[in-house]
Each structure stands twice: as structure tokens, then as C-alpha cells.
PDB file of N, CA and C in Angstrom:
ATOM      1  N   MET A   1      81.121  96.565  79.646  1.00  0.00           N
ATOM      2  CA  MET A   1      82.199  95.681  80.047  1.00  0.00           C
ATOM      3  C   MET A   1      83.417  96.511  80.450  1.00  0.00           C
ATOM      4  N   SER A   2      84.189  95.985  81.395  1.00  0.00           N
ATOM      5  CA  SER A   2      85.328  96.710  81.923  1.00  0.00           C
ATOM      6  C   SER A   2      86.471  95.748  82.222  1.00  0.00           C
ATOM      7  N   LYS A   3      87.675  96.252  82.137  1.00  0.00           N
ATOM      8  CA  LYS A   3      88.842  95.478  82.543  1.00  0.00           C
ATOM      9  C   LYS A   3      89.298  95.879  83.944  1.00  0.00           C
ATOM     10  N   ILE A   4      88.526  96.703  84.624  1.00  0.00           N
ATOM     11  CA  ILE A   4      88.927  97.181  85.944  1.00  0.00           C
ATOM     12  C   ILE A   4      88.665  96.088  86.975  1.00  0.00           C
ATOM     13  N   ARG A   5      89.729  95.705  87.663  1.00  0.00           N
ATOM     14  CA  ARG A   5      89.604  94.708  88.727  1.00  0.00           C
ATOM     15  C   ARG A   5      89.155  95.397  90.004  1.00  0.00           C
ATOM     16  N   THR A   6      88.604  94.615  90.916  1.00  0.00           N
ATOM     17  CA  THR A   6      88.226  95.137  92.226  1.00  0.00           C
ATOM     18  C   THR A   6      89.176  94.565  93.271  1.00  0.00           C
ATOM     19  N   VAL A   7      89.809  95.447  94.034  1.00  0.00           N
ATOM     20  CA  VAL A   7      90.706  95.005  95.097  1.00  0.00           C
ATOM     21  C   VAL A   7      89.854  94.439  96.223  1.00  0.00           C
ATOM     22  N   ARG A   8      90.084  93.176  96.538  1.00  0.00           N
ATOM     23  CA  ARG A   8      89.278  92.487  97.549  1.00  0.00           C
ATOM     24  C   ARG A   8      89.712  92.779  98.978  1.00  0.00           C
ATOM     25  N   ASP A   9      91.032  92.868  99.182  1.00  0.00           N
ATOM     26  CA  ASP A   9      91.557  93.049 100.540  1.00  0.00           C
ATOM     27  C   ASP A   9      93.015  93.487 100.457  1.00  0.00           C
ATOM     28  N   ALA A  10      93.653  93.657 101.623  1.00  0.00           N
ATOM     29  CA  ALA A  10      95.035  94.144 101.672  1.00  0.00           C
ATOM     30  C   ALA A  10      96.006  93.175 100.995  1.00  0.00           C
ATOM     31  N   ASP A  11      95.776  91.874 101.102  1.00  0.00           N
ATOM     32  CA  ASP A  11      96.658  90.902 100.446  1.00  0.00           C
ATOM     33  C   ASP A  11      96.578  91.033  98.927  1.00  0.00           C
ATOM     34  N   HIS A  12      95.367  91.174  98.412  1.00  0.00           N
ATOM     35  CA  HIS A  12      95.186  91.366  96.965  1.00  0.00           C
ATOM     36  C   HIS A  12      95.872  92.655  96.525  1.00  0.00           C
ATOM     37  N   PHE A  13      95.738  93.716  97.303  1.00  0.00           N
ATOM     38  CA  PHE A  13      96.385  94.990  97.012  1.00  0.00           C
ATOM     39  C   PHE A  13      97.901  94.813  96.945  1.00  0.00           C
ATOM     40  N   ARG A  14      98.482  94.120  97.928  1.00  0.00           N
ATOM     41  CA  ARG A  14      99.938  93.896  97.950  1.00  0.00           C
ATOM     42  C   ARG A  14     100.398  93.110  96.724  1.00  0.00           C
ATOM     43  N   ASP A  15      99.608  92.120  96.314  1.00  0.00           N
ATOM     44  CA  ASP A  15      99.954  91.341  95.122  1.00  0.00           C
ATOM     45  C   ASP A  15     100.000  92.232  93.881  1.00  0.00           C
ATOM     46  N   LEU A  16      99.023  93.109  93.739  1.00  0.00           N
ATOM     47  CA  LEU A  16      98.993  94.015  92.588  1.00  0.00           C
ATOM     48  C   LEU A  16     100.131  95.036  92.649  1.00  0.00           C
ATOM     49  N   VAL A  17     100.463  95.504  93.842  1.00  0.00           N
ATOM     50  CA  VAL A  17     101.565  96.459  94.010  1.00  0.00           C
ATOM     51  C   VAL A  17     102.885  95.833  93.559  1.00  0.00           C
ATOM     52  N   ALA A  18     103.060  94.558  93.813  1.00  0.00           N
ATOM     53  CA  ALA A  18     104.313  93.871  93.490  1.00  0.00           C
ATOM     54  C   ALA A  18     104.455  93.516  92.016  1.00  0.00           C
ATOM     55  N   SER A  19     103.419  93.718  91.225  1.00  0.00           N
ATOM     56  CA  SER A  19     103.445  93.346  89.809  1.00  0.00           C
ATOM     57  C   SER A  19     104.539  94.106  89.057  1.00  0.00           C
ATOM     58  N   PRO A  20     105.226  93.429  88.122  1.00  0.00           N
ATOM     59  CA  PRO A  20     106.225  94.121  87.302  1.00  0.00           C
ATOM     60  C   PRO A  20     105.585  95.056  86.268  1.00  0.00           C
ATOM     61  N   ASN A  21     104.308  94.842  85.982  1.00  0.00           N
ATOM     62  CA  ASN A  21     103.589  95.724  85.061  1.00  0.00           C
ATOM     63  C   ASN A  21     102.984  96.890  85.827  1.00  0.00           C
ATOM     64  N   LEU A  22     102.680  97.944  85.109  1.00  0.00           N
ATOM     65  CA  LEU A  22     102.074  99.114  85.734  1.00  0.00           C
ATOM     66  C   LEU A  22     100.666  98.775  86.210  1.00  0.00           C
ATOM     67  N   THR A  23     100.379  99.123  87.461  1.00  0.00           N
ATOM     68  CA  THR A  23      99.026  98.999  88.001  1.00  0.00           C
ATOM     69  C   THR A  23      98.532 100.391  88.353  1.00  0.00           C
ATOM     70  N   VAL A  24      97.346 100.721  87.869  1.00  0.00           N
ATOM     71  CA  VAL A  24      96.703 101.996  88.182  1.00  0.00           C
ATOM     72  C   VAL A  24      95.625 101.705  89.220  1.00  0.00           C
ATOM     73  N   PHE A  25      95.845 102.167  90.438  1.00  0.00           N
ATOM     74  CA  PHE A  25      94.852 102.000  91.490  1.00  0.00           C
ATOM     75  C   PHE A  25      93.902 103.183  91.455  1.00  0.00           C
ATOM     76  N   ILE A  26      92.613 102.873  91.442  1.00  0.00           N
ATOM     77  CA  ILE A  26      91.562 103.884  91.399  1.00  0.00           C
ATOM     78  C   ILE A  26      90.888 103.869  92.760  1.00  0.00           C
ATOM     79  N   PHE A  27      91.174 104.858  93.583  1.00  0.00           N
ATOM     80  CA  PHE A  27      90.555 104.960  94.904  1.00  0.00           C
ATOM     81  C   PHE A  27      89.252 105.731  94.737  1.00  0.00           C
ATOM     82  N   SER A  28      88.136 105.081  95.072  1.00  0.00           N
ATOM     83  CA  SER A  28      86.829 105.690  94.849  1.00  0.00           C
ATOM     84  C   SER A  28      85.825 105.147  95.849  1.00  0.00           C
ATOM     85  N   ALA A  29      84.585 105.606  95.720  1.00  0.00           N
ATOM     86  CA  ALA A  29      83.495 105.131  96.578  1.00  0.00           C
ATOM     87  C   ALA A  29      82.180 105.255  95.801  1.00  0.00           C
ATOM     88  N   THR A  30      81.230 104.420  96.157  1.00  0.00           N
ATOM     89  CA  THR A  30      79.938 104.435  95.468  1.00  0.00           C
ATOM     90  C   THR A  30      79.192 105.746  95.685  1.00  0.00           C
ATOM     91  N   TRP A  31      79.423 106.403  96.810  1.00  0.00           N
ATOM     92  CA  TRP A  31      78.728 107.643  97.132  1.00  0.00           C
ATOM     93  C   TRP A  31      79.424 108.880  96.553  1.00  0.00           C
ATOM     94  N   CYS A  32      80.588 108.707  95.944  1.00  0.00           N
ATOM     95  CA  CYS A  32      81.398 109.818  95.436  1.00  0.00           C
ATOM     96  C   CYS A  32      80.873 110.266  94.072  1.00  0.00           C
ATOM     97  N   GLY A  33      80.289 111.459  94.008  1.00  0.00           N
ATOM     98  CA  GLY A  33      79.740 111.986  92.760  1.00  0.00           C
ATOM     99  C   GLY A  33      80.763 112.079  91.639  1.00  0.00           C
ATOM    100  N   PRO A  34      81.929 112.710  91.864  1.00  0.00           N
ATOM    101  CA  PRO A  34      82.929 112.783  90.801  1.00  0.00           C
ATOM    102  C   PRO A  34      83.402 111.399  90.341  1.00  0.00           C
ATOM    103  N   CYS A  35      83.465 110.431  91.257  1.00  0.00           N
ATOM    104  CA  CYS A  35      83.852 109.061  90.886  1.00  0.00           C
ATOM    105  C   CYS A  35      82.838 108.466  89.917  1.00  0.00           C
ATOM    106  N   ARG A  36      81.567 108.682  90.210  1.00  0.00           N
ATOM    107  CA  ARG A  36      80.512 108.166  89.325  1.00  0.00           C
ATOM    108  C   ARG A  36      80.544 108.859  87.967  1.00  0.00           C
ATOM    109  N   GLU A  37      80.857 110.167  87.961  1.00  0.00           N
ATOM    110  CA  GLU A  37      80.873 110.933  86.713  1.00  0.00           C
ATOM    111  C   GLU A  37      81.921 110.418  85.727  1.00  0.00           C
ATOM    112  N   ILE A  38      83.052 109.932  86.225  1.00  0.00           N
ATOM    113  CA  ILE A  38      84.120 109.483  85.328  1.00  0.00           C
ATOM    114  C   ILE A  38      84.158 107.966  85.164  1.00  0.00           C
ATOM    115  N   ALA A  39      83.236 107.242  85.770  1.00  0.00           N
ATOM    116  CA  ALA A  39      83.255 105.776  85.747  1.00  0.00           C
ATOM    117  C   ALA A  39      83.229 105.214  84.326  1.00  0.00           C
ATOM    118  N   ASP A  40      82.356 105.728  83.472  1.00  0.00           N
ATOM    119  CA  ASP A  40      82.271 105.211  82.101  1.00  0.00           C
ATOM    120  C   ASP A  40      83.558 105.473  81.323  1.00  0.00           C
ATOM    121  N   GLU A  41      84.123 106.659  81.507  1.00  0.00           N
ATOM    122  CA  GLU A  41      85.367 106.976  80.805  1.00  0.00           C
ATOM    123  C   GLU A  41      86.519 106.108  81.305  1.00  0.00           C
ATOM    124  N   LEU A  42      86.540 105.813  82.595  1.00  0.00           N
ATOM    125  CA  LEU A  42      87.560 104.906  83.135  1.00  0.00           C
ATOM    126  C   LEU A  42      87.409 103.502  82.557  1.00  0.00           C
ATOM    127  N   ASP A  43      86.168 103.043  82.429  1.00  0.00           N
ATOM    128  CA  ASP A  43      85.925 101.732  81.820  1.00  0.00           C
ATOM    129  C   ASP A  43      86.476 101.698  80.394  1.00  0.00           C
ATOM    130  N   ARG A  44      86.194 102.734  79.623  1.00  0.00           N
ATOM    131  CA  ARG A  44      86.692 102.794  78.240  1.00  0.00           C
ATOM    132  C   ARG A  44      88.215 102.838  78.210  1.00  0.00           C
ATOM    133  N   LEU A  45      88.797 103.622  79.098  1.00  0.00           N
ATOM    134  CA  LEU A  45      90.255 103.734  79.172  1.00  0.00           C
ATOM    135  C   LEU A  45      90.880 102.374  79.485  1.00  0.00           C
ATOM    136  N   SER A  46      90.287 101.648  80.412  1.00  0.00           N
ATOM    137  CA  SER A  46      90.829 100.337  80.787  1.00  0.00           C
ATOM    138  C   SER A  46      90.767  99.348  79.629  1.00  0.00           C
ATOM    139  N   LEU A  47      89.764  99.471  78.778  1.00  0.00           N
ATOM    140  CA  LEU A  47      89.606  98.561  77.644  1.00  0.00           C
ATOM    141  C   LEU A  47      90.550  98.880  76.485  1.00  0.00           C
ATOM    142  N   HIS A  48      90.890 100.137  76.326  1.00  0.00           N
ATOM    143  CA  HIS A  48      91.638 100.559  75.154  1.00  0.00           C
ATOM    144  C   HIS A  48      93.086 100.924  75.435  1.00  0.00           C
ATOM    145  N   TYR A  49      93.506 100.786  76.676  1.00  0.00           N
ATOM    146  CA  TYR A  49      94.886 101.131  77.000  1.00  0.00           C
ATOM    147  C   TYR A  49      95.783  99.929  76.815  1.00  0.00           C
ATOM    148  N   HIS A  50      97.063 100.139  76.895  1.00  0.00           N
ATOM    149  CA  HIS A  50      98.065  99.083  76.706  1.00  0.00           C
ATOM    150  C   HIS A  50      97.678  97.840  77.514  1.00  0.00           C
ATOM    151  N   PRO A  51      97.747  96.650  76.908  1.00  0.00           N
ATOM    152  CA  PRO A  51      97.292  95.427  77.588  1.00  0.00           C
ATOM    153  C   PRO A  51      98.086  95.062  78.842  1.00  0.00           C
ATOM    154  N   ASP A  52      99.302  95.585  78.980  1.00  0.00           N
ATOM    155  CA  ASP A  52     100.097  95.275  80.176  1.00  0.00           C
ATOM    156  C   ASP A  52      99.757  96.160  81.371  1.00  0.00           C
ATOM    157  N   VAL A  53      98.891  97.143  81.187  1.00  0.00           N
ATOM    158  CA  VAL A  53      98.486  98.028  82.286  1.00  0.00           C
ATOM    159  C   VAL A  53      97.266  97.427  82.968  1.00  0.00           C
ATOM    160  N   THR A  54      97.355  97.288  84.297  1.00  0.00           N
ATOM    161  CA  THR A  54      96.240  96.775  85.085  1.00  0.00           C
ATOM    162  C   THR A  54      95.551  97.946  85.777  1.00  0.00           C
ATOM    163  N   PHE A  55      94.243  97.984  85.690  1.00  0.00           N
ATOM    164  CA  PHE A  55      93.444  98.983  86.403  1.00  0.00           C
ATOM    165  C   PHE A  55      92.750  98.264  87.554  1.00  0.00           C
ATOM    166  N   ALA A  56      92.853  98.801  88.770  1.00  0.00           N
ATOM    167  CA  ALA A  56      92.273  98.147  89.943  1.00  0.00           C
ATOM    168  C   ALA A  56      91.577  99.177  90.826  1.00  0.00           C
ATOM    169  N   LYS A  57      90.303  98.936  91.098  1.00  0.00           N
ATOM    170  CA  LYS A  57      89.503  99.852  91.915  1.00  0.00           C
ATOM    171  C   LYS A  57      89.605  99.463  93.390  1.00  0.00           C
ATOM    172  N   VAL A  58      89.862 100.469  94.228  1.00  0.00           N
ATOM    173  CA  VAL A  58      89.921 100.282  95.677  1.00  0.00           C
ATOM    174  C   VAL A  58      88.757 101.065  96.269  1.00  0.00           C
ATOM    175  N   ASP A  59      87.749 100.353  96.777  1.00  0.00           N
ATOM    176  CA  ASP A  59      86.589 101.015  97.376  1.00  0.00           C
ATOM    177  C   ASP A  59      86.977 101.585  98.739  1.00  0.00           C
ATOM    178  N   ALA A  60      86.731 102.876  98.916  1.00  0.00           N
ATOM    179  CA  ALA A  60      87.128 103.565 100.142  1.00  0.00           C
ATOM    180  C   ALA A  60      86.435 103.007 101.375  1.00  0.00           C
ATOM    181  N   ASP A  61      85.201 102.587 101.247  1.00  0.00           N
ATOM    182  CA  ASP A  61      84.462 102.081 102.402  1.00  0.00           C
ATOM    183  C   ASP A  61      84.875 100.667 102.779  1.00  0.00           C
ATOM    184  N   ASP A  62      85.271  99.865 101.812  1.00  0.00           N
ATOM    185  CA  ASP A  62      85.647  98.479 102.077  1.00  0.00           C
ATOM    186  C   ASP A  62      87.120  98.310 102.414  1.00  0.00           C
ATOM    187  N   ASN A  63      87.938  99.324 102.148  1.00  0.00           N
ATOM    188  CA  ASN A  63      89.396  99.203 102.308  1.00  0.00           C
ATOM    189  C   ASN A  63      89.997 100.434 102.979  1.00  0.00           C
ATOM    190  N   GLU A  64      89.418 100.854 104.085  1.00  0.00           N
ATOM    191  CA  GLU A  64      89.898 102.062 104.758  1.00  0.00           C
ATOM    192  C   GLU A  64      91.364 101.971 105.146  1.00  0.00           C
ATOM    193  N   ASP A  65      91.819 100.770 105.545  1.00  0.00           N
ATOM    194  CA  ASP A  65      93.211 100.599 105.956  1.00  0.00           C
ATOM    195  C   ASP A  65      94.172 100.887 104.797  1.00  0.00           C
ATOM    196  N   ILE A  66      93.787 100.507 103.585  1.00  0.00           N
ATOM    197  CA  ILE A  66      94.629 100.765 102.411  1.00  0.00           C
ATOM    198  C   ILE A  66      94.675 102.264 102.125  1.00  0.00           C
ATOM    199  N   LEU A  67      93.537 102.945 102.223  1.00  0.00           N
ATOM    200  CA  LEU A  67      93.509 104.385 101.983  1.00  0.00           C
ATOM    201  C   LEU A  67      94.399 105.124 102.974  1.00  0.00           C
ATOM    202  N   VAL A  68      94.355 104.716 104.235  1.00  0.00           N
ATOM    203  CA  VAL A  68      95.182 105.358 105.257  1.00  0.00           C
ATOM    204  C   VAL A  68      96.657 105.127 104.943  1.00  0.00           C
ATOM    205  N   LYS A  69      97.021 103.897 104.647  1.00  0.00           N
ATOM    206  CA  LYS A  69      98.421 103.568 104.358  1.00  0.00           C
ATOM    207  C   LYS A  69      98.936 104.320 103.128  1.00  0.00           C
ATOM    208  N   CYS A  70      98.081 104.514 102.136  1.00  0.00           N
ATOM    209  CA  CYS A  70      98.474 105.211 100.905  1.00  0.00           C
ATOM    210  C   CYS A  70      98.277 106.723 100.998  1.00  0.00           C
ATOM    211  N   ARG A  71      97.788 107.189 102.137  1.00  0.00           N
ATOM    212  CA  ARG A  71      97.563 108.613 102.388  1.00  0.00           C
ATOM    213  C   ARG A  71      96.606 109.253 101.396  1.00  0.00           C
ATOM    214  N   VAL A  72      95.537 108.530 101.101  1.00  0.00           N
ATOM    215  CA  VAL A  72      94.512 109.042 100.193  1.00  0.00           C
ATOM    216  C   VAL A  72      93.519 109.863 101.007  1.00  0.00           C
ATOM    217  N   ALA A  73      93.368 111.136 100.643  1.00  0.00           N
ATOM    218  CA  ALA A  73      92.480 112.027 101.371  1.00  0.00           C
ATOM    219  C   ALA A  73      91.332 112.546 100.514  1.00  0.00           C
ATOM    220  N   VAL A  74      91.443 112.392  99.193  1.00  0.00           N
ATOM    221  CA  VAL A  74      90.456 112.924  98.258  1.00  0.00           C
ATOM    222  C   VAL A  74      90.066 111.810  97.295  1.00  0.00           C
ATOM    223  N   LEU A  75      88.784 111.762  96.953  1.00  0.00           N
ATOM    224  CA  LEU A  75      88.307 110.795  95.968  1.00  0.00           C
ATOM    225  C   LEU A  75      87.798 111.537  94.746  1.00  0.00           C
ATOM    226  N   PRO A  76      88.060 111.040  93.573  1.00  0.00           N
ATOM    227  CA  PRO A  76      88.914 109.907  93.284  1.00  0.00           C
ATOM    228  C   PRO A  76      90.395 110.282  93.339  1.00  0.00           C
ATOM    229  N   THR A  77      91.211 109.284  93.646  1.00  0.00           N
ATOM    230  CA  THR A  77      92.663 109.411  93.587  1.00  0.00           C
ATOM    231  C   THR A  77      93.184 108.242  92.775  1.00  0.00           C
ATOM    232  N   PHE A  78      94.197 108.505  91.975  1.00  0.00           N
ATOM    233  CA  PHE A  78      94.812 107.474  91.133  1.00  0.00           C
ATOM    234  C   PHE A  78      96.275 107.339  91.513  1.00  0.00           C
ATOM    235  N   MET A  79      96.688 106.127  91.786  1.00  0.00           N
ATOM    236  CA  MET A  79      98.076 105.866  92.140  1.00  0.00           C
ATOM    237  C   MET A  79      98.628 104.824  91.173  1.00  0.00           C
ATOM    238  N   MET A  80      99.746 105.148  90.531  1.00  0.00           N
ATOM    239  CA  MET A  80     100.376 104.233  89.596  1.00  0.00           C
ATOM    240  C   MET A  80     101.595 103.594  90.257  1.00  0.00           C
ATOM    241  N   VAL A  81     101.648 102.253  90.192  1.00  0.00           N
ATOM    242  CA  VAL A  81     102.711 101.501  90.864  1.00  0.00           C
ATOM    243  C   VAL A  81     103.271 100.466  89.893  1.00  0.00           C
ATOM    244  N   ARG A  82     104.595 100.291  89.951  1.00  0.00           N
ATOM    245  CA  ARG A  82     105.263  99.240  89.177  1.00  0.00           C
ATOM    246  C   ARG A  82     106.365  98.657  90.057  1.00  0.00           C
ATOM    247  N   ASP A  83     106.397  97.333  90.159  1.00  0.00           N
ATOM    248  CA  ASP A  83     107.437  96.648  90.949  1.00  0.00           C
ATOM    249  C   ASP A  83     107.514  97.162  92.383  1.00  0.00           C
ATOM    250  N   GLY A  84     106.372  97.467  92.986  1.00  0.00           N
ATOM    251  CA  GLY A  84     106.358  97.902  94.372  1.00  0.00           C
ATOM    252  C   GLY A  84     106.726  99.354  94.600  1.00  0.00           C
ATOM    253  N   VAL A  85     106.936 100.105  93.515  1.00  0.00           N
ATOM    254  CA  VAL A  85     107.343 101.506  93.624  1.00  0.00           C
ATOM    255  C   VAL A  85     106.261 102.399  93.019  1.00  0.00           C
ATOM    256  N   GLN A  86     105.853 103.404  93.779  1.00  0.00           N
ATOM    257  CA  GLN A  86     104.889 104.366  93.245  1.00  0.00           C
ATOM    258  C   GLN A  86     105.601 105.231  92.209  1.00  0.00           C
ATOM    259  N   VAL A  87     105.049 105.256  90.995  1.00  0.00           N
ATOM    260  CA  VAL A  87     105.665 106.023  89.916  1.00  0.00           C
ATOM    261  C   VAL A  87     104.806 107.198  89.469  1.00  0.00           C
ATOM    262  N   GLY A  88     103.562 107.263  89.933  1.00  0.00           N
ATOM    263  CA  GLY A  88     102.691 108.356  89.536  1.00  0.00           C
ATOM    264  C   GLY A  88     101.515 108.492  90.479  1.00  0.00           C
ATOM    265  N   PHE A  89     100.913 109.682  90.448  1.00  0.00           N
ATOM    266  CA  PHE A  89      99.807 109.990  91.360  1.00  0.00           C
ATOM    267  C   PHE A  89      98.980 111.099  90.719  1.00  0.00           C
ATOM    268  N   ALA A  90      97.673 110.951  90.745  1.00  0.00           N
ATOM    269  CA  ALA A  90      96.782 112.008  90.253  1.00  0.00           C
ATOM    270  C   ALA A  90      95.579 112.078  91.185  1.00  0.00           C
ATOM    271  N   VAL A  91      95.154 113.285  91.487  1.00  0.00           N
ATOM    272  CA  VAL A  91      94.039 113.495  92.413  1.00  0.00           C
ATOM    273  C   VAL A  91      92.926 114.235  91.707  1.00  0.00           C
ATOM    274  N   GLY A  92      91.694 113.772  91.918  1.00  0.00           N
ATOM    275  CA  GLY A  92      90.538 114.444  91.351  1.00  0.00           C
ATOM    276  C   GLY A  92      90.039 113.758  90.097  1.00  0.00           C
ATOM    277  N   ALA A  93      88.917 114.235  89.608  1.00  0.00           N
ATOM    278  CA  ALA A  93      88.218 113.609  88.482  1.00  0.00           C
ATOM    279  C   ALA A  93      88.637 114.189  87.133  1.00  0.00           C
ATOM    280  N   ASP A  94      89.859 114.681  87.030  1.00  0.00           N
ATOM    281  CA  ASP A  94      90.355 115.251  85.778  1.00  0.00           C
ATOM    282  C   ASP A  94      90.998 114.141  84.948  1.00  0.00           C
ATOM    283  N   MET A  95      90.273 113.624  83.979  1.00  0.00           N
ATOM    284  CA  MET A  95      90.755 112.510  83.169  1.00  0.00           C
ATOM    285  C   MET A  95      91.981 112.893  82.339  1.00  0.00           C
ATOM    286  N   GLU A  96      92.108 114.153  81.962  1.00  0.00           N
ATOM    287  CA  GLU A  96      93.284 114.578  81.194  1.00  0.00           C
ATOM    288  C   GLU A  96      94.543 114.464  82.039  1.00  0.00           C
ATOM    289  N   ASP A  97      94.467 114.819  83.321  1.00  0.00           N
ATOM    290  CA  ASP A  97      95.614 114.651  84.223  1.00  0.00           C
ATOM    291  C   ASP A  97      96.002 113.181  84.323  1.00  0.00           C
ATOM    292  N   LEU A  98      95.006 112.320  84.463  1.00  0.00           N
ATOM    293  CA  LEU A  98      95.271 110.885  84.561  1.00  0.00           C
ATOM    294  C   LEU A  98      95.923 110.375  83.274  1.00  0.00           C
ATOM    295  N   LYS A  99      95.398 110.758  82.135  1.00  0.00           N
ATOM    296  CA  LYS A  99      95.963 110.305  80.857  1.00  0.00           C
ATOM    297  C   LYS A  99      97.399 110.789  80.678  1.00  0.00           C
ATOM    298  N   MET A 100      97.681 112.026  81.070  1.00  0.00           N
ATOM    299  CA  MET A 100      99.046 112.541  80.977  1.00  0.00           C
ATOM    300  C   MET A 100      99.976 111.741  81.878  1.00  0.00           C
ATOM    301  N   GLU A 101      99.528 111.440  83.073  1.00  0.00           N
ATOM    302  CA  GLU A 101     100.333 110.656  84.014  1.00  0.00           C
ATOM    303  C   GLU A 101     100.581 109.256  83.460  1.00  0.00           C
ATOM    304  N   LEU A 102      99.564 108.655  82.866  1.00  0.00           N
ATOM    305  CA  LEU A 102      99.717 107.323  82.264  1.00  0.00           C
ATOM    306  C   LEU A 102     100.729 107.344  81.118  1.00  0.00           C
ATOM    307  N   GLN A 103     100.697 108.370  80.300  1.00  0.00           N
ATOM    308  CA  GLN A 103     101.626 108.457  79.181  1.00  0.00           C
ATOM    309  C   GLN A 103     103.074 108.515  79.643  1.00  0.00           C
ATOM    310  N   LEU A 104     103.306 109.092  80.806  1.00  0.00           N
ATOM    311  CA  LEU A 104     104.666 109.171  81.337  1.00  0.00           C
ATOM    312  C   LEU A 104     105.211 107.806  81.745  1.00  0.00           C
ATOM    313  N   HIS A 105     104.321 106.859  82.024  1.00  0.00           N
ATOM    314  CA  HIS A 105     104.749 105.602  82.636  1.00  0.00           C
ATOM    315  C   HIS A 105     104.401 104.357  81.841  1.00  0.00           C
ATOM    316  N   THR A 106     104.012 104.529  80.575  1.00  0.00           N
ATOM    317  CA  THR A 106     103.664 103.370  79.765  1.00  0.00           C
ATOM    318  C   THR A 106     104.405 103.391  78.450  1.00  0.00           C
ATOM    319  N   LEU A 107     104.478 102.222  77.849  1.00  0.00           N
ATOM    320  CA  LEU A 107     105.082 102.072  76.533  1.00  0.00           C
ATOM    321  C   LEU A 107     103.996 102.196  75.477  1.00  0.00           C
ATOM    322  N   PRO A 108     104.366 102.567  74.272  1.00  0.00           N
ATOM    323  CA  PRO A 108     103.365 102.573  73.205  1.00  0.00           C
ATOM    324  C   PRO A 108     102.848 101.161  72.965  1.00  0.00           C
ATOM    325  N   THR A 109     101.645 101.040  72.441  1.00  0.00           N
ATOM    326  CA  THR A 109     101.057  99.718  72.213  1.00  0.00           C
ATOM    327  C   THR A 109     101.694  98.998  71.041  1.00  0.00           C
ATOM    328  N   GLU A 110     102.331  99.724  70.134  1.00  0.00           N
ATOM    329  CA  GLU A 110     103.012  99.098  69.007  1.00  0.00           C
ATOM    330  C   GLU A 110     104.468  99.528  69.022  1.00  0.00           C
ATOM    331  N   PRO A 111     105.396  98.589  68.817  1.00  0.00           N
ATOM    332  CA  PRO A 111     106.815  98.984  68.800  1.00  0.00           C
ATOM    333  C   PRO A 111     107.124  99.862  67.590  1.00  0.00           C
ATOM    334  N   LYS A 112     107.972 100.821  67.807  1.00  0.00           N
ATOM    335  CA  LYS A 112     108.380 101.696  66.703  1.00  0.00           C
ATOM    336  C   LYS A 112     109.525 101.023  65.961  1.00  0.00           C
ATOM    337  N   LEU A 113     109.494 101.129  64.668  1.00  0.00           N
ATOM    338  CA  LEU A 113     110.555 100.543  63.858  1.00  0.00           C
ATOM    339  C   LEU A 113     111.729 101.524  63.775  1.00  0.00           C
ATOM    340  N   ALA A 114     112.916 100.979  63.941  1.00  0.00           N
ATOM    341  CA  ALA A 114     114.114 101.815  63.870  1.00  0.00           C
ATOM    342  C   ALA A 114     114.442 102.117  62.416  1.00  0.00           C
ATOM    343  N   ASN A 115     114.866 103.337  62.154  1.00  0.00           N
ATOM    344  CA  ASN A 115     115.308 103.713  60.802  1.00  0.00           C
ATOM    345  C   ASN A 115     116.691 103.151  60.571  1.00  0.00           C
ATOM    346  N   LYS A 116     116.896 102.574  59.394  1.00  0.00           N
ATOM    347  CA  LYS A 116     118.221 102.004  59.094  1.00  0.00           C
ATOM    348  C   LYS A 116     118.941 102.841  58.087  1.00  0.00           C
TER     349      LYS A 116
END
């Protein structure tokens, strides 16, 4: 099971870009070996990450216009967007790079209590 959504078209992509919550776009393709290698780990990450973070897969073959507009040249590529603004970017199948980038742009899952 996965929480990763599939981007259907450019309108769906624009809707996700405009979200006030962080959206992680996963640019990939079925024929991409590195994309397949990290697919299970991405599924786990999507299930266990902060509930306000949306993960959305953009298939390179079905959405070439989106890849061109976003200047994606390498698969997999991860683009983090909030409120229509790109806040992060990671290229390649290095899950540690992606996790570090996510940590920069997300809140902890539990609020920290202030010391009184």
C-alpha cells in the first residue's frame, strides 16, 4: 500500500503545486532502473512521513510537458513545492539526499512542549 498519488495531467499538477501543504513530486518512469530500485522505500516513506506532506508521482512518458516546464533532465528527480513555490529539489536515487531535503521543509510530527 502507498500514499503516493499519481499526477493525471497538467491541471492536476497545478492543483497540487498550489497546495498550502508540502508536495513532493517524484518524476520517474516505468523503464527507469533507479526509479524501480527505490520504489518500495518511497512507498514506506510516504506512509510514515508527516500526514500533511503529499507525495505525487509524475510519469515521464505520460507528462512530458510537465517535465519540460520543470526542467527535469534526470530520473528520478524530486521537487518539493509549497504554496506554488519550489522549496527543494533532489536529483538521483539517493534516498538520504531526499530525506535531508524533506527535513529542511517539514514540521515534526509531534509538537514540542515548551519549557516553562
